[in-house]
Amino acid sequence: MDQQKLPNVTLAIVLSCLGFVCCCFYGLPAVILSGISLIVLNNDKKKYIADPEKYSNYSTFKTARIISIIVMVIGVIYLAFAIYKIIQLGGIDGMMEEACRAYADAGIEMPFCD
């Protein structure tokens, strides 16, 4: 019997890598992309459990799952830190005032800072 590869493992790896790259955007894209990756991998796991002899790339599946979980944890930590910083600065307005103050200290004029 010919073995085939689990269909969504490569997609999950790509989504997880994109999520890792996008961690710096307050963690939200990382959480979303790794969440999608975990959902896709869960579907592949059900296929593998139903017929393990049919698929050959289960080790790649496990690697993709580990990467997705790591990216999810990093994204959640970064998102929690970003929410904490926004609350600590007094909301979005406080965050903007702090950014304007930092730009002014550096001698940079920004159009949104009056």
C-alpha atoms as a PDB file:
ATOM      1  CA  MET A   1       0.000   0.000   0.000  1.00  0.00           C
ATOM      2  CA  ASP A   2       1.302   3.454  -0.905  1.00  0.00           C
ATOM      3  CA  GLN A   3       1.831   5.813   1.966  1.00  0.00           C
ATOM      4  CA  GLN A   4       0.855   9.423   1.518  1.00  0.00           C
ATOM      5  CA  LYS A   5       1.672  12.517   3.487  1.00  0.00           C
ATOM      6  CA  LEU A   6      -0.691  14.224   5.882  1.00  0.00           C
ATOM      7  CA  PRO A   7      -2.184  17.009   3.764  1.00  0.00           C
ATOM      8  CA  ASN A   8      -1.907  20.085   5.994  1.00  0.00           C
ATOM      9  CA  VAL A   9       1.423  19.680   7.775  1.00  0.00           C
ATOM     10  CA  THR A  10       3.326  22.021   5.453  1.00  0.00           C
ATOM     11  CA  LEU A  11       0.567  24.622   5.731  1.00  0.00           C
ATOM     12  CA  ALA A  12       0.759  24.405   9.521  1.00  0.00           C
ATOM     13  CA  ILE A  13       4.532  24.917   9.488  1.00  0.00           C
ATOM     14  CA  VAL A  14       4.188  27.945   7.204  1.00  0.00           C
ATOM     15  CA  LEU A  15       1.445  29.451   9.393  1.00  0.00           C
ATOM     16  CA  SER A  16       3.510  28.887  12.527  1.00  0.00           C
ATOM     17  CA  CYS A  17       6.611  30.477  10.996  1.00  0.00           C
ATOM     18  CA  LEU A  18       4.563  33.473   9.864  1.00  0.00           C
ATOM     19  CA  GLY A  19       3.100  33.700  13.347  1.00  0.00           C
ATOM     20  CA  PHE A  20       6.584  33.713  14.845  1.00  0.00           C
ATOM     21  CA  VAL A  21       7.662  36.517  12.506  1.00  0.00           C
ATOM     22  CA  CYS A  22       4.501  38.484  13.362  1.00  0.00           C
ATOM     23  CA  CYS A  23       4.983  38.199  17.154  1.00  0.00           C
ATOM     24  CA  CYS A  24       6.266  41.768  17.233  1.00  0.00           C
ATOM     25  CA  PHE A  25       2.825  43.126  16.256  1.00  0.00           C
ATOM     26  CA  TYR A  26       1.538  42.951  19.847  1.00  0.00           C
ATOM     27  CA  GLY A  27       1.319  39.159  19.684  1.00  0.00           C
ATOM     28  CA  LEU A  28      -2.152  39.032  18.156  1.00  0.00           C
ATOM     29  CA  PRO A  29      -1.158  37.732  14.679  1.00  0.00           C
ATOM     30  CA  ALA A  30       0.957  35.040  16.322  1.00  0.00           C
ATOM     31  CA  VAL A  31      -1.990  33.847  18.398  1.00  0.00           C
ATOM     32  CA  ILE A  32      -4.328  33.853  15.395  1.00  0.00           C
ATOM     33  CA  LEU A  33      -1.935  32.115  12.989  1.00  0.00           C
ATOM     34  CA  SER A  34      -0.793  29.480  15.467  1.00  0.00           C
ATOM     35  CA  GLY A  35      -4.420  28.884  16.471  1.00  0.00           C
ATOM     36  CA  ILE A  36      -5.343  28.225  12.843  1.00  0.00           C
ATOM     37  CA  SER A  37      -2.302  25.972  12.573  1.00  0.00           C
ATOM     38  CA  LEU A  38      -3.351  23.951  15.622  1.00  0.00           C
ATOM     39  CA  ILE A  39      -6.885  23.560  14.275  1.00  0.00           C
ATOM     40  CA  VAL A  40      -5.567  22.317  10.928  1.00  0.00           C
ATOM     41  CA  LEU A  41      -3.184  19.941  12.691  1.00  0.00           C
ATOM     42  CA  ASN A  42      -6.003  18.605  14.845  1.00  0.00           C
ATOM     43  CA  ASN A  43      -7.858  17.602  11.676  1.00  0.00           C
ATOM     44  CA  ASP A  44      -4.737  15.832  10.403  1.00  0.00           C
ATOM     45  CA  LYS A  45      -4.328  14.052  13.728  1.00  0.00           C
ATOM     46  CA  LYS A  46      -7.855  12.651  13.407  1.00  0.00           C
ATOM     47  CA  LYS A  47      -6.977  11.362   9.929  1.00  0.00           C
ATOM     48  CA  TYR A  48      -3.768   9.785  11.200  1.00  0.00           C
ATOM     49  CA  ILE A  49      -5.473   8.112  14.170  1.00  0.00           C
ATOM     50  CA  ALA A  50      -8.127   6.668  11.858  1.00  0.00           C
ATOM     51  CA  ASP A  51      -5.517   5.004   9.589  1.00  0.00           C
ATOM     52  CA  PRO A  52      -1.884   5.288  10.796  1.00  0.00           C
ATOM     53  CA  GLU A  53      -0.437   2.974   8.120  1.00  0.00           C
ATOM     54  CA  LYS A  54      -1.679   5.270   5.374  1.00  0.00           C
ATOM     55  CA  TYR A  55       0.499   8.291   6.287  1.00  0.00           C
ATOM     56  CA  SER A  56       4.284   8.633   6.339  1.00  0.00           C
ATOM     57  CA  ASN A  57       5.071  12.077   7.770  1.00  0.00           C
ATOM     58  CA  TYR A  58       3.891  11.813  11.371  1.00  0.00           C
ATOM     59  CA  SER A  59       7.255  13.053  12.686  1.00  0.00           C
ATOM     60  CA  THR A  60       6.850  16.228  10.620  1.00  0.00           C
ATOM     61  CA  PHE A  61       3.351  16.530  12.067  1.00  0.00           C
ATOM     62  CA  LYS A  62       4.764  16.382  15.610  1.00  0.00           C
ATOM     63  CA  THR A  63       7.373  19.023  14.738  1.00  0.00           C
ATOM     64  CA  ALA A  64       4.698  21.325  13.284  1.00  0.00           C
ATOM     65  CA  ARG A  65       2.589  20.885  16.398  1.00  0.00           C
ATOM     66  CA  ILE A  66       5.485  21.746  18.713  1.00  0.00           C
ATOM     67  CA  ILE A  67       6.314  24.848  16.659  1.00  0.00           C
ATOM     68  CA  SER A  68       2.653  25.924  16.748  1.00  0.00           C
ATOM     69  CA  ILE A  69       2.460  25.525  20.507  1.00  0.00           C
ATOM     70  CA  ILE A  70       5.688  27.482  21.050  1.00  0.00           C
ATOM     71  CA  VAL A  71       4.485  30.320  18.801  1.00  0.00           C
ATOM     72  CA  MET A  72       1.123  30.338  20.600  1.00  0.00           C
ATOM     73  CA  VAL A  73       2.816  30.659  23.999  1.00  0.00           C
ATOM     74  CA  ILE A  74       5.137  33.440  22.788  1.00  0.00           C
ATOM     75  CA  GLY A  75       2.187  35.267  21.211  1.00  0.00           C
ATOM     76  CA  VAL A  76       0.041  35.014  24.338  1.00  0.00           C
ATOM     77  CA  ILE A  77       2.883  36.269  26.532  1.00  0.00           C
ATOM     78  CA  TYR A  78       3.580  39.192  24.208  1.00  0.00           C
ATOM     79  CA  LEU A  79      -0.142  40.013  23.905  1.00  0.00           C
ATOM     80  CA  ALA A  80      -0.527  39.975  27.692  1.00  0.00           C
ATOM     81  CA  PHE A  81       2.496  42.244  28.043  1.00  0.00           C
ATOM     82  CA  ALA A  82       1.113  44.646  25.418  1.00  0.00           C
ATOM     83  CA  ILE A  83      -2.284  44.802  27.150  1.00  0.00           C
ATOM     84  CA  TYR A  84      -0.547  45.401  30.488  1.00  0.00           C
ATOM     85  CA  LYS A  85       1.526  48.254  29.011  1.00  0.00           C
ATOM     86  CA  ILE A  86      -1.541  49.881  27.419  1.00  0.00           C
ATOM     87  CA  ILE A  87      -3.431  49.706  30.712  1.00  0.00           C
ATOM     88  CA  GLN A  88      -0.392  50.978  32.631  1.00  0.00           C
ATOM     89  CA  LEU A  89      -0.061  54.007  30.316  1.00  0.00           C
ATOM     90  CA  GLY A  90      -3.744  54.896  30.645  1.00  0.00           C
ATOM     91  CA  GLY A  91      -5.175  53.441  27.464  1.00  0.00           C
ATOM     92  CA  ILE A  92      -4.443  54.229  23.838  1.00  0.00           C
ATOM     93  CA  ASP A  93      -4.429  57.995  24.482  1.00  0.00           C
ATOM     94  CA  GLY A  94      -1.810  57.634  27.198  1.00  0.00           C
ATOM     95  CA  MET A  95       0.258  55.417  24.940  1.00  0.00           C
ATOM     96  CA  MET A  96       0.111  58.025  22.151  1.00  0.00           C
ATOM     97  CA  GLU A  97       1.114  60.795  24.571  1.00  0.00           C
ATOM     98  CA  GLU A  98       4.095  58.733  25.718  1.00  0.00           C
ATOM     99  CA  ALA A  99       5.123  58.105  22.102  1.00  0.00           C
ATOM    100  CA  CYS A 100       4.835  61.825  21.283  1.00  0.00           C
ATOM    101  CA  ARG A 101       6.932  62.667  24.330  1.00  0.00           C
ATOM    102  CA  ALA A 102       9.609  60.169  23.267  1.00  0.00           C
ATOM    103  CA  TYR A 103       9.660  61.583  19.713  1.00  0.00           C
ATOM    104  CA  ALA A 104       9.917  65.134  21.057  1.00  0.00           C
ATOM    105  CA  ASP A 105      12.819  64.145  23.321  1.00  0.00           C
ATOM    106  CA  ALA A 106      14.587  62.664  20.303  1.00  0.00           C
ATOM    107  CA  GLY A 107      13.967  65.839  18.278  1.00  0.00           C
ATOM    108  CA  ILE A 108      11.638  64.171  15.777  1.00  0.00           C
ATOM    109  CA  GLU A 109       8.466  65.987  14.741  1.00  0.00           C
ATOM    110  CA  MET A 110       5.511  63.736  14.078  1.00  0.00           C
ATOM    111  CA  PRO A 111       2.346  64.967  12.353  1.00  0.00           C
ATOM    112  CA  PHE A 112      -0.004  63.325  14.848  1.00  0.00           C
ATOM    113  CA  CYS A 113       1.732  64.963  17.833  1.00  0.00           C
ATOM    114  CA  ASP A 114       0.381  68.449  18.482  1.00  0.00           C
END
